[in-house]
C-alpha atoms as a PDB file:
ATOM      1  CA  UNK A   1      69.198 120.928-127.870  1.00  0.00           C
ATOM      2  CA  UNK A   2      69.112 124.735-128.160  1.00  0.00           C
ATOM      3  CA  UNK A   3      72.506 126.424-128.358  1.00  0.00           C
ATOM      4  CA  UNK A   4      73.218 130.148-128.536  1.00  0.00           C
ATOM      5  CA  UNK A   5      76.556 131.386-129.858  1.00  0.00           C
ATOM      6  CA  UNK A   6      77.619 134.884-128.772  1.00  0.00           C
ATOM      7  CA  UNK A   7      80.625 137.065-129.450  1.00  0.00           C
ATOM      8  CA  UNK A   8      81.787 140.297-131.007  1.00  0.00           C
ATOM      9  CA  UNK A   9      82.153 140.506-134.783  1.00  0.00           C
ATOM     10  CA  UNK A  10      85.086 138.642-136.256  1.00  0.00           C
ATOM     11  CA  UNK A  11      85.377 135.909-133.616  1.00  0.00           C
ATOM     12  CA  UNK A  12      84.243 132.965-135.755  1.00  0.00           C
ATOM     13  CA  UNK A  13      80.627 132.582-134.623  1.00  0.00           C
ATOM     14  CA  UNK A  14      79.138 131.696-137.997  1.00  0.00           C
ATOM     15  CA  UNK A  15      81.863 129.159-138.733  1.00  0.00           C
ATOM     16  CA  UNK A  16      81.294 127.509-135.362  1.00  0.00           C
ATOM     17  CA  UNK A  17      77.514 127.445-135.901  1.00  0.00           C
ATOM     18  CA  UNK A  18      78.053 125.673-139.244  1.00  0.00           C
ATOM     19  CA  UNK A  19      80.451 123.158-137.685  1.00  0.00           C
ATOM     20  CA  UNK A  20      78.050 122.412-134.840  1.00  0.00           C
ATOM     21  CA  UNK A  21      75.102 121.899-137.192  1.00  0.00           C
ATOM     22  CA  UNK A  22      77.182 119.498-139.275  1.00  0.00           C
ATOM     23  CA  UNK A  23      78.229 117.610-136.160  1.00  0.00           C
ATOM     24  CA  UNK A  24      74.971 117.496-134.196  1.00  0.00           C
ATOM     25  CA  UNK A  25      72.360 115.229-135.779  1.00  0.00           C
ATOM     26  CA  UNK A  26      69.252 117.059-136.904  1.00  0.00           C
ATOM     27  CA  UNK A  27      70.398 120.506-135.800  1.00  0.00           C
ATOM     28  CA  UNK A  28      69.764 123.529-137.974  1.00  0.00           C
ATOM     29  CA  UNK A  29      71.067 127.052-137.687  1.00  0.00           C
ATOM     30  CA  UNK A  30      69.212 130.291-137.206  1.00  0.00           C
ATOM     31  CA  UNK A  31      71.088 133.024-139.036  1.00  0.00           C
ATOM     32  CA  UNK A  32      72.116 136.113-137.170  1.00  0.00           C
ATOM     33  CA  UNK A  33      69.487 138.850-136.933  1.00  0.00           C
ATOM     34  CA  UNK A  34      71.465 141.179-139.218  1.00  0.00           C
ATOM     35  CA  UNK A  35      71.060 138.729-142.109  1.00  0.00           C
ATOM     36  CA  UNK A  36      67.409 137.988-141.306  1.00  0.00           C
ATOM     37  CA  UNK A  37      66.548 141.678-141.133  1.00  0.00           C
ATOM     38  CA  UNK A  38      68.398 142.420-144.376  1.00  0.00           C
ATOM     39  CA  UNK A  39      66.421 139.647-146.071  1.00  0.00           C
ATOM     40  CA  UNK A  40      63.257 141.365-144.816  1.00  0.00           C
ATOM     41  CA  UNK A  41      64.386 144.643-146.410  1.00  0.00           C
ATOM     42  CA  UNK A  42      65.831 146.407-143.357  1.00  0.00           C
ATOM     43  CA  UNK A  43      68.374 149.018-144.432  1.00  0.00           C
ATOM     44  CA  UNK A  44      71.347 149.142-142.041  1.00  0.00           C
ATOM     45  CA  UNK A  45      73.639 152.115-141.781  1.00  0.00           C
ATOM     46  CA  UNK A  46      77.392 151.815-141.697  1.00  0.00           C
ATOM     47  CA  UNK A  47      78.460 151.806-139.081  1.00  0.00           C
ATOM     48  CA  UNK A  48      75.213 150.506-137.588  1.00  0.00           C
ATOM     49  CA  UNK A  49      73.332 152.929-135.370  1.00  0.00           C
ATOM     50  CA  UNK A  50      71.894 152.269-131.947  1.00  0.00           C
ATOM     51  CA  UNK A  51      68.515 151.842-133.642  1.00  0.00           C
ATOM     52  CA  UNK A  52      70.062 149.193-135.904  1.00  0.00           C
ATOM     53  CA  UNK A  53      71.297 147.305-132.846  1.00  0.00           C
ATOM     54  CA  UNK A  54      67.879 147.683-131.209  1.00  0.00           C
ATOM     55  CA  UNK A  55      66.240 146.159-134.297  1.00  0.00           C
ATOM     56  CA  UNK A  56      68.666 143.232-134.117  1.00  0.00           C
ATOM     57  CA  UNK A  57      68.014 142.834-130.391  1.00  0.00           C
ATOM     58  CA  UNK A  58      64.274 142.604-131.019  1.00  0.00           C
ATOM     59  CA  UNK A  59      64.758 140.109-133.858  1.00  0.00           C
ATOM     60  CA  UNK A  60      67.079 138.004-131.708  1.00  0.00           C
ATOM     61  CA  UNK A  61      64.508 137.927-128.902  1.00  0.00           C
ATOM     62  CA  UNK A  62      61.859 136.885-131.426  1.00  0.00           C
ATOM     63  CA  UNK A  63      63.983 134.083-132.889  1.00  0.00           C
ATOM     64  CA  UNK A  64      64.970 132.721-129.480  1.00  0.00           C
ATOM     65  CA  UNK A  65      61.371 132.807-128.275  1.00  0.00           C
ATOM     66  CA  UNK A  66      60.428 130.223-130.904  1.00  0.00           C
ATOM     67  CA  UNK A  67      59.747 126.707-129.685  1.00  0.00           C
ATOM     68  CA  UNK A  68      62.112 125.181-132.232  1.00  0.00           C
ATOM     69  CA  UNK A  69      64.366 122.460-130.899  1.00  0.00           C
ATOM     70  CA  UNK A  70      67.699 121.208-132.208  1.00  0.00           C
ATOM     71  CA  UNK A  71      68.823 124.665-133.271  1.00  0.00           C
ATOM     72  CA  UNK A  72      72.020 126.655-133.053  1.00  0.00           C
ATOM     73  CA  UNK A  73      71.499 130.415-132.914  1.00  0.00           C
ATOM     74  CA  UNK A  74      74.110 132.634-134.546  1.00  0.00           C
ATOM     75  CA  UNK A  75      74.072 135.390-131.897  1.00  0.00           C
ATOM     76  CA  UNK A  76      71.891 135.952-128.858  1.00  0.00           C
ATOM     77  CA  UNK A  77      70.235 139.091-127.460  1.00  0.00           C
ATOM     78  CA  UNK A  78      73.280 139.562-125.238  1.00  0.00           C
ATOM     79  CA  UNK A  79      75.362 140.438-128.294  1.00  0.00           C
ATOM     80  CA  UNK A  80      73.170 143.398-129.145  1.00  0.00           C
ATOM     81  CA  UNK A  81      72.989 144.597-125.573  1.00  0.00           C
ATOM     82  CA  UNK A  82      76.801 144.566-125.617  1.00  0.00           C
ATOM     83  CA  UNK A  83      76.862 146.590-128.845  1.00  0.00           C
ATOM     84  CA  UNK A  84      74.415 149.074-127.378  1.00  0.00           C
ATOM     85  CA  UNK A  85      76.451 149.350-124.170  1.00  0.00           C
ATOM     86  CA  UNK A  86      79.625 149.851-126.213  1.00  0.00           C
ATOM     87  CA  UNK A  87      77.842 152.811-127.832  1.00  0.00           C
ATOM     88  CA  UNK A  88      77.004 154.302-124.442  1.00  0.00           C
ATOM     89  CA  UNK A  89      73.451 153.008-124.007  1.00  0.00           C
ATOM     90  CA  UNK A  90      72.223 151.671-120.673  1.00  0.00           C
ATOM     91  CA  UNK A  91      71.765 147.913-121.276  1.00  0.00           C
ATOM     92  CA  UNK A  92      69.195 147.690-118.492  1.00  0.00           C
ATOM     93  CA  UNK A  93      66.998 150.308-120.166  1.00  0.00           C
ATOM     94  CA  UNK A  94      67.204 148.531-123.536  1.00  0.00           C
ATOM     95  CA  UNK A  95      65.242 145.390-122.718  1.00  0.00           C
ATOM     96  CA  UNK A  96      62.611 143.801-120.538  1.00  0.00           C
ATOM     97  CA  UNK A  97      64.740 141.804-118.108  1.00  0.00           C
ATOM     98  CA  UNK A  98      62.042 139.213-117.381  1.00  0.00           C
ATOM     99  CA  UNK A  99      61.509 138.547-121.086  1.00  0.00           C
ATOM    100  CA  UNK A 100      65.258 138.333-121.674  1.00  0.00           C
ATOM    101  CA  UNK A 101      65.686 135.967-118.711  1.00  0.00           C
ATOM    102  CA  UNK A 102      62.919 133.677-120.033  1.00  0.00           C
ATOM    103  CA  UNK A 103      64.356 133.738-123.532  1.00  0.00           C
ATOM    104  CA  UNK A 104      67.864 132.882-122.372  1.00  0.00           C
ATOM    105  CA  UNK A 105      66.491 130.165-120.077  1.00  0.00           C
ATOM    106  CA  UNK A 106      65.309 128.342-123.210  1.00  0.00           C
ATOM    107  CA  UNK A 107      68.934 127.693-124.137  1.00  0.00           C
ATOM    108  CA  UNK A 108      70.602 124.445-123.161  1.00  0.00           C
ATOM    109  CA  UNK A 109      74.000 126.055-123.654  1.00  0.00           C
ATOM    110  CA  UNK A 110      75.396 129.535-124.231  1.00  0.00           C
ATOM    111  CA  UNK A 111      78.677 129.452-126.126  1.00  0.00           C
ATOM    112  CA  UNK A 112      80.790 132.546-125.666  1.00  0.00           C
ATOM    113  CA  UNK A 113      83.500 133.396-128.199  1.00  0.00           C
ATOM    114  CA  UNK A 114      85.803 136.046-126.740  1.00  0.00           C
ATOM    115  CA  UNK A 115      88.629 137.703-128.598  1.00  0.00           C
ATOM    116  CA  UNK A 116      91.716 135.552-128.066  1.00  0.00           C
ATOM    117  CA  UNK A 117      95.289 135.576-129.374  1.00  0.00           C
ATOM    118  CA  UNK A 118      94.210 132.766-131.720  1.00  0.00           C
ATOM    119  CA  UNK A 119      91.323 134.768-133.208  1.00  0.00           C
ATOM    120  CA  UNK A 120      93.600 137.782-133.580  1.00  0.00           C
ATOM    121  CA  UNK A 121      96.269 135.752-135.353  1.00  0.00           C
ATOM    122  CA  UNK A 122      94.189 133.419-137.521  1.00  0.00           C
ATOM    123  CA  UNK A 123      90.985 135.232-138.451  1.00  0.00           C
ATOM    124  CA  UNK A 124      90.787 138.122-140.927  1.00  0.00           C
ATOM    125  CA  UNK A 125      91.261 141.608-139.534  1.00  0.00           C
ATOM    126  CA  UNK A 126      87.840 142.846-138.415  1.00  0.00           C
ATOM    127  CA  UNK A 127      86.213 146.119-139.318  1.00  0.00           C
ATOM    128  CA  UNK A 128      85.965 148.592-136.458  1.00  0.00           C
ATOM    129  CA  UNK A 129      88.521 146.901-134.162  1.00  0.00           C
ATOM    130  CA  UNK A 130      87.994 149.344-131.264  1.00  0.00           C
ATOM    131  CA  UNK A 131      84.256 148.708-131.304  1.00  0.00           C
ATOM    132  CA  UNK A 132      84.946 144.978-131.457  1.00  0.00           C
ATOM    133  CA  UNK A 133      87.137 145.142-128.343  1.00  0.00           C
ATOM    134  CA  UNK A 134      84.567 147.263-126.473  1.00  0.00           C
ATOM    135  CA  UNK A 135      81.755 144.841-127.405  1.00  0.00           C
ATOM    136  CA  UNK A 136      83.891 141.900-126.295  1.00  0.00           C
ATOM    137  CA  UNK A 137      84.442 143.509-122.891  1.00  0.00           C
ATOM    138  CA  UNK A 138      80.769 144.473-122.493  1.00  0.00           C
ATOM    139  CA  UNK A 139      79.645 140.958-123.444  1.00  0.00           C
ATOM    140  CA  UNK A 140      81.973 139.323-120.941  1.00  0.00           C
ATOM    141  CA  UNK A 141      80.625 141.674-118.255  1.00  0.00           C
ATOM    142  CA  UNK A 142      77.003 140.921-119.200  1.00  0.00           C
ATOM    143  CA  UNK A 143      77.618 137.181-118.962  1.00  0.00           C
ATOM    144  CA  UNK A 144      79.928 136.893-115.970  1.00  0.00           C
ATOM    145  CA  UNK A 145      78.919 139.860-113.824  1.00  0.00           C
ATOM    146  CA  UNK A 146      75.270 139.377-114.897  1.00  0.00           C
ATOM    147  CA  UNK A 147      74.211 142.926-113.942  1.00  0.00           C
ATOM    148  CA  UNK A 148      70.786 142.321-115.518  1.00  0.00           C
ATOM    149  CA  UNK A 149      70.367 139.053-113.590  1.00  0.00           C
ATOM    150  CA  UNK A 150      69.306 137.164-116.724  1.00  0.00           C
ATOM    151  CA  UNK A 151      71.853 134.350-117.048  1.00  0.00           C
ATOM    152  CA  UNK A 152      70.451 132.273-114.201  1.00  0.00           C
ATOM    153  CA  UNK A 153      71.192 128.569-114.625  1.00  0.00           C
ATOM    154  CA  UNK A 154      72.077 128.738-118.321  1.00  0.00           C
ATOM    155  CA  UNK A 155      75.306 126.768-118.757  1.00  0.00           C
ATOM    156  CA  UNK A 156      78.048 128.901-120.339  1.00  0.00           C
ATOM    157  CA  UNK A 157      81.074 127.605-122.196  1.00  0.00           C
ATOM    158  CA  UNK A 158      83.713 130.206-123.004  1.00  0.00           C
ATOM    159  CA  UNK A 159      85.887 129.061-125.903  1.00  0.00           C
ATOM    160  CA  UNK A 160      89.440 130.236-125.409  1.00  0.00           C
ATOM    161  CA  UNK A 161      90.832 127.099-127.028  1.00  0.00           C
ATOM    162  CA  UNK A 162      92.419 126.983-130.502  1.00  0.00           C
ATOM    163  CA  UNK A 163      89.926 127.512-133.331  1.00  0.00           C
ATOM    164  CA  UNK A 164      90.206 123.914-134.549  1.00  0.00           C
ATOM    165  CA  UNK A 165      89.146 122.559-131.148  1.00  0.00           C
ATOM    166  CA  UNK A 166      86.039 124.672-130.628  1.00  0.00           C
ATOM    167  CA  UNK A 167      83.437 122.197-131.933  1.00  0.00           C
ATOM    168  CA  UNK A 168      85.020 119.400-129.859  1.00  0.00           C
ATOM    169  CA  UNK A 169      84.870 121.513-126.692  1.00  0.00           C
ATOM    170  CA  UNK A 170      81.194 122.350-127.290  1.00  0.00           C
ATOM    171  CA  UNK A 171      80.389 118.702-128.057  1.00  0.00           C
ATOM    172  CA  UNK A 172      82.121 117.657-124.832  1.00  0.00           C
ATOM    173  CA  UNK A 173      80.093 120.243-122.892  1.00  0.00           C
ATOM    174  CA  UNK A 174      76.946 118.755-124.417  1.00  0.00           C
ATOM    175  CA  UNK A 175      78.239 115.230-123.771  1.00  0.00           C
ATOM    176  CA  UNK A 176      77.761 114.207-127.425  1.00  0.00           C
END
């Protein structure tokens, strides 16, 4: 099973990825591109620039194009397209739609973590809250309006439930 977890910063993605890997036999996580790039020596600015988001987009596409099975990806290319769009970039001009469509089609499930009253109340205050809100809105548009026509038949589960129920909701969607 290949699962992608997407959401703006500070929505609990990494925690959910860890919970899912602990719950799903044999599943491993693929760290988010920011961490992988940092480990490779990439020097991010603060706040990240559009080029930083482009580098993460490319790394995310690379990681998702692997043939690995039983993995949970901490972020998908959609996240970085949302960050780029929130910074005024044209998401369509930022990626090869056919390649993105094929990459996303390799997922058995896309888990979307929007900002909710629960995340606002229970999770630590995020850095750059206005950017976070803009990315959240852009990501929801990319997934549900699908202006790039890349979602196709990828099943999407949007987790608006309480934080403690997230892993159960994903497991139920996977029928495990």
